[in-house]
Amino acid sequence: DGGTPAPLPRIESVAPVASTRWLSLQTLSYADETGTVRQWDMCTRTTTDRTPGTAPRADAVCIVPLLRRRDAAGKIVATDTLLVEQYRPPVGRRTIEFPAGLLDAGETPAGAALRELREETGYVGDSCKVLPAVSGMLCMSPGLTDESVHCVVVEVDLDRPENIDPTPNCDEGEFVTVKRVELNTGLRELMEKGTASMPILGAFMFALGLEIGIGIGG
């Protein structure tokens, strides 16, 4: 456009290689910090609008559910969370992870989180009062893909009638096993000893950080 070039490093061009309904393989040409032009192969989701000039938008949400148990006086006495197990073909085995799902067009991260939580686990959540309830855009595996997510904390009131005996409503071909665990002590123990499934990195790091935080605080 004849204007001043963007500062280094910068993307010079994007060349499509192959595409399916869900994914696109692309080769990027980029100039590194010295101005040397290099190439990088990457995968991107086709479900997110990345038209030049549109505002950046995450592909998906990752949900951290907080299931609150209260005593007769309404005081929180314990907090559980939810993990889901499902078969993931790219790794050839079942994984264990927080509930997650793609953002629909026009959907807010909070709205997507409440919808996905109900579909995958059956639990009905509320917007969380813990800040930040919705994170900024987070990259997932930036050496491979530009996929990004919002992490959304959702509160679940176990006294709501819908949460007494929740039933998932998964998409066709989606087979999910819901695991409810005590937040402070159950997460890492389940991922390391209670399942043969492969933990997703984000859930394991959450559990490890929680354990370290409890240790420091104690």
C-alpha atoms as a PDB file:
ATOM      1  CA  ASP A   1       0.000   0.000   0.000  1.00  0.00           C
ATOM      2  CA  GLY A   2       3.082   2.222  -0.126  1.00  0.00           C
ATOM      3  CA  GLY A   3       2.999   2.954   3.591  1.00  0.00           C
ATOM      4  CA  THR A   4       5.702   2.396   6.165  1.00  0.00           C
ATOM      5  CA  PRO A   5       6.456  -1.341   6.556  1.00  0.00           C
ATOM      6  CA  ALA A   6       5.424  -2.949   9.810  1.00  0.00           C
ATOM      7  CA  PRO A   7       8.266  -3.352  12.307  1.00  0.00           C
ATOM      8  CA  LEU A   8      10.275  -6.563  12.413  1.00  0.00           C
ATOM      9  CA  PRO A   9       9.519  -9.390  12.897  1.00  0.00           C
ATOM     10  CA  ARG A  10       6.438  -9.441  10.621  1.00  0.00           C
ATOM     11  CA  ILE A  11       4.339 -11.690   8.402  1.00  0.00           C
ATOM     12  CA  GLU A  12       5.016 -11.058   4.704  1.00  0.00           C
ATOM     13  CA  SER A  13       2.530 -13.443   3.090  1.00  0.00           C
ATOM     14  CA  VAL A  14       0.273 -16.447   3.711  1.00  0.00           C
ATOM     15  CA  ALA A  15       0.001 -19.258   1.146  1.00  0.00           C
ATOM     16  CA  PRO A  16      -2.779 -21.880   1.501  1.00  0.00           C
ATOM     17  CA  VAL A  17      -1.566 -25.478   1.090  1.00  0.00           C
ATOM     18  CA  ALA A  18      -4.664 -27.606   1.758  1.00  0.00           C
ATOM     19  CA  SER A  19      -7.988 -27.254   3.519  1.00  0.00           C
ATOM     20  CA  THR A  20     -10.828 -29.325   4.994  1.00  0.00           C
ATOM     21  CA  ARG A  21     -14.124 -28.329   6.570  1.00  0.00           C
ATOM     22  CA  TRP A  22     -12.458 -27.643   9.914  1.00  0.00           C
ATOM     23  CA  LEU A  23      -8.769 -26.934   9.286  1.00  0.00           C
ATOM     24  CA  SER A  24      -6.431 -25.223   6.830  1.00  0.00           C
ATOM     25  CA  LEU A  25      -2.709 -25.871   6.346  1.00  0.00           C
ATOM     26  CA  GLN A  26      -0.790 -22.735   5.384  1.00  0.00           C
ATOM     27  CA  THR A  27       2.806 -21.703   4.726  1.00  0.00           C
ATOM     28  CA  LEU A  28       3.774 -18.350   6.199  1.00  0.00           C
ATOM     29  CA  SER A  29       6.566 -16.182   4.826  1.00  0.00           C
ATOM     30  CA  TYR A  30       7.865 -13.926   7.590  1.00  0.00           C
ATOM     31  CA  ALA A  31      10.765 -11.553   8.122  1.00  0.00           C
ATOM     32  CA  ASP A  32      12.669 -12.249  11.334  1.00  0.00           C
ATOM     33  CA  GLU A  33      14.370  -9.713  13.615  1.00  0.00           C
ATOM     34  CA  THR A  34      17.266  -9.301  11.132  1.00  0.00           C
ATOM     35  CA  GLY A  35      14.997  -8.897   8.100  1.00  0.00           C
ATOM     36  CA  THR A  36      15.756 -12.392   6.806  1.00  0.00           C
ATOM     37  CA  VAL A  37      12.679 -13.905   5.129  1.00  0.00           C
ATOM     38  CA  ARG A  38      11.856 -17.393   6.348  1.00  0.00           C
ATOM     39  CA  GLN A  39       8.965 -19.859   6.011  1.00  0.00           C
ATOM     40  CA  TRP A  40       6.798 -21.589   8.607  1.00  0.00           C
ATOM     41  CA  ASP A  41       4.059 -24.189   8.151  1.00  0.00           C
ATOM     42  CA  MET A  42       1.036 -23.778  10.374  1.00  0.00           C
ATOM     43  CA  CYS A  43      -2.503 -25.025  10.897  1.00  0.00           C
ATOM     44  CA  THR A  44      -5.494 -22.732  11.395  1.00  0.00           C
ATOM     45  CA  ARG A  45      -9.196 -23.306  12.103  1.00  0.00           C
ATOM     46  CA  THR A  46     -11.583 -22.512   9.264  1.00  0.00           C
ATOM     47  CA  THR A  47     -14.442 -21.886  11.720  1.00  0.00           C
ATOM     48  CA  THR A  48     -13.115 -18.465  12.777  1.00  0.00           C
ATOM     49  CA  ASP A  49     -13.387 -15.385  10.568  1.00  0.00           C
ATOM     50  CA  ARG A  50      -9.860 -14.059  10.006  1.00  0.00           C
ATOM     51  CA  THR A  51     -10.675 -11.701   7.160  1.00  0.00           C
ATOM     52  CA  PRO A  52      -8.114  -8.854   7.125  1.00  0.00           C
ATOM     53  CA  GLY A  53      -9.515  -5.848   8.952  1.00  0.00           C
ATOM     54  CA  THR A  54     -11.817  -7.827  11.255  1.00  0.00           C
ATOM     55  CA  ALA A  55     -11.255  -7.686  14.996  1.00  0.00           C
ATOM     56  CA  PRO A  56      -9.198 -10.588  16.394  1.00  0.00           C
ATOM     57  CA  ARG A  57     -11.450 -13.311  17.755  1.00  0.00           C
ATOM     58  CA  ALA A  58     -10.647 -16.460  19.697  1.00  0.00           C
ATOM     59  CA  ASP A  59     -11.530 -19.879  18.309  1.00  0.00           C
ATOM     60  CA  ALA A  60     -12.831 -21.496  21.472  1.00  0.00           C
ATOM     61  CA  VAL A  61     -13.412 -21.377  25.205  1.00  0.00           C
ATOM     62  CA  CYS A  62     -11.923 -23.490  27.975  1.00  0.00           C
ATOM     63  CA  ILE A  63     -14.171 -23.689  31.043  1.00  0.00           C
ATOM     64  CA  VAL A  64     -13.124 -23.939  34.693  1.00  0.00           C
ATOM     65  CA  PRO A  65     -16.325 -24.891  36.563  1.00  0.00           C
ATOM     66  CA  LEU A  66     -16.598 -24.126  40.272  1.00  0.00           C
ATOM     67  CA  LEU A  67     -19.290 -26.332  41.844  1.00  0.00           C
ATOM     68  CA  ARG A  68     -20.247 -24.765  45.159  1.00  0.00           C
ATOM     69  CA  ARG A  69     -21.535 -26.714  48.133  1.00  0.00           C
ATOM     70  CA  ARG A  70     -23.139 -24.606  50.889  1.00  0.00           C
ATOM     71  CA  ASP A  71     -24.298 -25.259  54.422  1.00  0.00           C
ATOM     72  CA  ALA A  72     -27.717 -24.361  55.835  1.00  0.00           C
ATOM     73  CA  ALA A  73     -26.551 -20.789  56.434  1.00  0.00           C
ATOM     74  CA  GLY A  74     -25.482 -20.390  52.797  1.00  0.00           C
ATOM     75  CA  LYS A  75     -21.739 -20.456  53.536  1.00  0.00           C
ATOM     76  CA  ILE A  76     -19.538 -22.213  50.966  1.00  0.00           C
ATOM     77  CA  VAL A  77     -18.136 -25.329  52.612  1.00  0.00           C
ATOM     78  CA  ALA A  78     -16.497 -27.032  49.611  1.00  0.00           C
ATOM     79  CA  THR A  79     -15.786 -26.467  45.946  1.00  0.00           C
ATOM     80  CA  ASP A  80     -15.616 -29.181  43.302  1.00  0.00           C
ATOM     81  CA  THR A  81     -14.749 -28.931  39.635  1.00  0.00           C
ATOM     82  CA  LEU A  82     -15.429 -30.937  36.482  1.00  0.00           C
ATOM     83  CA  LEU A  83     -13.125 -32.687  34.035  1.00  0.00           C
ATOM     84  CA  VAL A  84     -14.150 -34.570  30.917  1.00  0.00           C
ATOM     85  CA  GLU A  85     -12.642 -37.689  29.382  1.00  0.00           C
ATOM     86  CA  GLN A  86     -12.982 -38.342  25.664  1.00  0.00           C
ATOM     87  CA  TYR A  87     -11.173 -40.127  22.860  1.00  0.00           C
ATOM     88  CA  ARG A  88      -8.977 -37.791  20.825  1.00  0.00           C
ATOM     89  CA  PRO A  89      -7.981 -39.348  17.466  1.00  0.00           C
ATOM     90  CA  PRO A  90      -4.804 -37.228  16.932  1.00  0.00           C
ATOM     91  CA  VAL A  91      -3.182 -38.743  20.053  1.00  0.00           C
ATOM     92  CA  GLY A  92      -4.876 -42.127  19.615  1.00  0.00           C
ATOM     93  CA  ARG A  93      -6.156 -42.302  23.185  1.00  0.00           C
ATOM     94  CA  ARG A  94      -8.540 -40.791  25.690  1.00  0.00           C
ATOM     95  CA  THR A  95      -7.638 -37.463  27.255  1.00  0.00           C
ATOM     96  CA  ILE A  96      -8.729 -35.716  30.422  1.00  0.00           C
ATOM     97  CA  GLU A  97      -9.342 -31.999  30.222  1.00  0.00           C
ATOM     98  CA  PHE A  98     -11.560 -29.151  31.298  1.00  0.00           C
ATOM     99  CA  PRO A  99     -14.803 -28.770  29.322  1.00  0.00           C
ATOM    100  CA  ALA A 100     -14.219 -26.742  26.161  1.00  0.00           C
ATOM    101  CA  GLY A 101     -15.732 -25.914  22.796  1.00  0.00           C
ATOM    102  CA  LEU A 102     -15.722 -23.669  19.757  1.00  0.00           C
ATOM    103  CA  LEU A 103     -17.219 -20.190  19.764  1.00  0.00           C
ATOM    104  CA  ASP A 104     -20.230 -19.805  17.494  1.00  0.00           C
ATOM    105  CA  ALA A 105     -20.495 -16.743  15.243  1.00  0.00           C
ATOM    106  CA  GLY A 106     -21.653 -13.718  17.254  1.00  0.00           C
ATOM    107  CA  GLU A 107     -21.345 -15.569  20.565  1.00  0.00           C
ATOM    108  CA  THR A 108     -19.624 -14.071  23.597  1.00  0.00           C
ATOM    109  CA  PRO A 109     -17.003 -16.143  25.462  1.00  0.00           C
ATOM    110  CA  ALA A 110     -19.210 -16.203  28.572  1.00  0.00           C
ATOM    111  CA  GLY A 111     -22.241 -17.326  26.557  1.00  0.00           C
ATOM    112  CA  ALA A 112     -20.231 -20.037  24.802  1.00  0.00           C
ATOM    113  CA  ALA A 113     -18.891 -21.285  28.137  1.00  0.00           C
ATOM    114  CA  LEU A 114     -22.367 -21.626  29.670  1.00  0.00           C
ATOM    115  CA  ARG A 115     -23.650 -23.402  26.530  1.00  0.00           C
ATOM    116  CA  GLU A 116     -20.712 -25.797  26.261  1.00  0.00           C
ATOM    117  CA  LEU A 117     -20.777 -26.604  29.983  1.00  0.00           C
ATOM    118  CA  ARG A 118     -24.429 -27.631  29.770  1.00  0.00           C
ATOM    119  CA  GLU A 119     -23.931 -29.626  26.553  1.00  0.00           C
ATOM    120  CA  GLU A 120     -20.841 -31.537  27.751  1.00  0.00           C
ATOM    121  CA  THR A 121     -21.668 -32.042  31.428  1.00  0.00           C
ATOM    122  CA  GLY A 122     -25.370 -31.262  31.911  1.00  0.00           C
ATOM    123  CA  TYR A 123     -24.596 -28.673  34.601  1.00  0.00           C
ATOM    124  CA  VAL A 124     -26.175 -25.220  34.403  1.00  0.00           C
ATOM    125  CA  GLY A 125     -23.739 -22.464  35.312  1.00  0.00           C
ATOM    126  CA  ASP A 126     -23.809 -18.771  36.133  1.00  0.00           C
ATOM    127  CA  SER A 127     -21.433 -15.952  35.342  1.00  0.00           C
ATOM    128  CA  CYS A 128     -18.586 -16.074  37.826  1.00  0.00           C
ATOM    129  CA  LYS A 129     -17.970 -13.356  40.381  1.00  0.00           C
ATOM    130  CA  VAL A 130     -14.274 -14.270  40.575  1.00  0.00           C
ATOM    131  CA  LEU A 131     -12.116 -11.917  38.481  1.00  0.00           C
ATOM    132  CA  PRO A 132     -11.084 -12.274  35.771  1.00  0.00           C
ATOM    133  CA  ALA A 133     -14.106 -14.399  34.958  1.00  0.00           C
ATOM    134  CA  VAL A 134     -13.120 -14.305  31.260  1.00  0.00           C
ATOM    135  CA  SER A 135      -9.453 -14.190  30.283  1.00  0.00           C
ATOM    136  CA  GLY A 136      -7.995 -12.424  27.293  1.00  0.00           C
ATOM    137  CA  MET A 137      -7.084 -14.451  24.206  1.00  0.00           C
ATOM    138  CA  LEU A 138      -4.637 -17.256  25.063  1.00  0.00           C
ATOM    139  CA  CYS A 139      -2.513 -19.132  22.517  1.00  0.00           C
ATOM    140  CA  MET A 140      -2.516 -22.928  22.621  1.00  0.00           C
ATOM    141  CA  SER A 141       0.436 -24.347  20.665  1.00  0.00           C
ATOM    142  CA  PRO A 142       1.997 -21.359  18.856  1.00  0.00           C
ATOM    143  CA  GLY A 143       4.700 -23.403  17.140  1.00  0.00           C
ATOM    144  CA  LEU A 144       1.987 -25.337  15.294  1.00  0.00           C
ATOM    145  CA  THR A 145      -1.220 -23.278  15.132  1.00  0.00           C
ATOM    146  CA  ASP A 146      -2.704 -19.820  15.620  1.00  0.00           C
ATOM    147  CA  GLU A 147      -5.575 -21.331  17.634  1.00  0.00           C
ATOM    148  CA  SER A 148      -6.539 -19.192  20.626  1.00  0.00           C
ATOM    149  CA  VAL A 149      -9.029 -19.579  23.463  1.00  0.00           C
ATOM    150  CA  HIS A 150     -10.611 -17.666  26.309  1.00  0.00           C
ATOM    151  CA  CYS A 151     -10.445 -19.290  29.734  1.00  0.00           C
ATOM    152  CA  VAL A 152     -13.822 -18.777  31.418  1.00  0.00           C
ATOM    153  CA  VAL A 153     -14.524 -19.419  35.101  1.00  0.00           C
ATOM    154  CA  VAL A 154     -18.135 -20.526  35.641  1.00  0.00           C
ATOM    155  CA  GLU A 155     -19.932 -20.868  38.969  1.00  0.00           C
ATOM    156  CA  VAL A 156     -22.341 -23.784  39.387  1.00  0.00           C
ATOM    157  CA  ASP A 157     -24.935 -23.630  42.152  1.00  0.00           C
ATOM    158  CA  LEU A 158     -25.524 -27.225  43.225  1.00  0.00           C
ATOM    159  CA  ASP A 159     -28.821 -26.236  44.863  1.00  0.00           C
ATOM    160  CA  ARG A 160     -30.401 -25.407  41.506  1.00  0.00           C
ATOM    161  CA  PRO A 161     -32.893 -28.125  40.492  1.00  0.00           C
ATOM    162  CA  GLU A 162     -31.174 -28.537  37.100  1.00  0.00           C
ATOM    163  CA  ASN A 163     -27.936 -29.504  38.848  1.00  0.00           C
ATOM    164  CA  ILE A 164     -29.337 -32.251  41.078  1.00  0.00           C
ATOM    165  CA  ASP A 165     -29.061 -34.979  38.435  1.00  0.00           C
ATOM    166  CA  PRO A 166     -27.515 -33.345  35.345  1.00  0.00           C
ATOM    167  CA  THR A 167     -27.546 -35.115  31.979  1.00  0.00           C
ATOM    168  CA  PRO A 168     -25.089 -34.158  29.188  1.00  0.00           C
ATOM    169  CA  ASN A 169     -26.425 -33.332  25.733  1.00  0.00           C
ATOM    170  CA  CYS A 170     -23.384 -33.972  23.550  1.00  0.00           C
ATOM    171  CA  ASP A 171     -23.175 -33.546  19.789  1.00  0.00           C
ATOM    172  CA  GLU A 172     -23.600 -36.595  17.546  1.00  0.00           C
ATOM    173  CA  GLY A 173     -20.390 -38.645  17.608  1.00  0.00           C
ATOM    174  CA  GLU A 174     -19.176 -37.028  20.831  1.00  0.00           C
ATOM    175  CA  PHE A 175     -18.740 -39.445  23.750  1.00  0.00           C
ATOM    176  CA  VAL A 176     -17.788 -37.735  26.997  1.00  0.00           C
ATOM    177  CA  THR A 177     -17.327 -39.095  30.529  1.00  0.00           C
ATOM    178  CA  VAL A 178     -17.715 -36.416  33.206  1.00  0.00           C
ATOM    179  CA  LYS A 179     -15.446 -36.546  36.268  1.00  0.00           C
ATOM    180  CA  ARG A 180     -16.400 -34.502  39.335  1.00  0.00           C
ATOM    181  CA  VAL A 181     -13.507 -33.945  41.759  1.00  0.00           C
ATOM    182  CA  GLU A 182     -12.743 -31.851  44.831  1.00  0.00           C
ATOM    183  CA  LEU A 183     -10.923 -28.743  43.610  1.00  0.00           C
ATOM    184  CA  ASN A 184      -8.091 -28.423  46.129  1.00  0.00           C
ATOM    185  CA  THR A 185      -6.984 -32.050  46.338  1.00  0.00           C
ATOM    186  CA  GLY A 186      -8.666 -34.047  43.600  1.00  0.00           C
ATOM    187  CA  LEU A 187      -7.366 -32.577  40.354  1.00  0.00           C
ATOM    188  CA  ARG A 188      -3.741 -33.672  40.231  1.00  0.00           C
ATOM    189  CA  GLU A 189      -4.431 -36.956  42.013  1.00  0.00           C
ATOM    190  CA  LEU A 190      -7.033 -37.862  39.383  1.00  0.00           C
ATOM    191  CA  MET A 191      -4.752 -36.956  36.484  1.00  0.00           C
ATOM    192  CA  GLU A 192      -1.719 -38.786  37.864  1.00  0.00           C
ATOM    193  CA  LYS A 193      -3.259 -41.821  39.567  1.00  0.00           C
ATOM    194  CA  GLY A 194      -6.993 -41.998  38.958  1.00  0.00           C
ATOM    195  CA  THR A 195      -7.093 -42.386  35.172  1.00  0.00           C
ATOM    196  CA  ALA A 196      -5.172 -43.901  32.286  1.00  0.00           C
ATOM    197  CA  SER A 197      -6.164 -40.958  30.083  1.00  0.00           C
ATOM    198  CA  MET A 198      -3.597 -38.384  28.947  1.00  0.00           C
ATOM    199  CA  PRO A 199      -4.029 -35.030  30.745  1.00  0.00           C
ATOM    200  CA  ILE A 200      -4.200 -31.933  28.567  1.00  0.00           C
ATOM    201  CA  LEU A 201      -1.437 -29.470  29.458  1.00  0.00           C
ATOM    202  CA  GLY A 202      -3.711 -26.648  30.582  1.00  0.00           C
ATOM    203  CA  ALA A 203      -5.564 -28.792  33.109  1.00  0.00           C
ATOM    204  CA  PHE A 204      -2.355 -30.275  34.483  1.00  0.00           C
ATOM    205  CA  MET A 205      -0.728 -26.841  34.836  1.00  0.00           C
ATOM    206  CA  PHE A 206      -3.866 -25.562  36.582  1.00  0.00           C
ATOM    207  CA  ALA A 207      -3.706 -28.464  39.043  1.00  0.00           C
ATOM    208  CA  LEU A 208       0.033 -28.040  39.587  1.00  0.00           C
ATOM    209  CA  GLY A 209      -0.304 -24.284  40.119  1.00  0.00           C
ATOM    210  CA  LEU A 210      -3.134 -24.824  42.580  1.00  0.00           C
ATOM    211  CA  GLU A 211      -1.061 -27.347  44.507  1.00  0.00           C
ATOM    212  CA  ILE A 212       1.966 -25.035  44.583  1.00  0.00           C
ATOM    213  CA  GLY A 213      -0.219 -22.115  45.677  1.00  0.00           C
ATOM    214  CA  ILE A 214      -1.734 -24.125  48.511  1.00  0.00           C
ATOM    215  CA  GLY A 215       1.779 -25.178  49.578  1.00  0.00           C
ATOM    216  CA  ILE A 216       3.068 -21.611  49.586  1.00  0.00           C
ATOM    217  CA  GLY A 217       0.000 -20.361  51.404  1.00  0.00           C
ATOM    218  CA  GLY A 218       0.319 -23.114  53.975  1.00  0.00           C
END
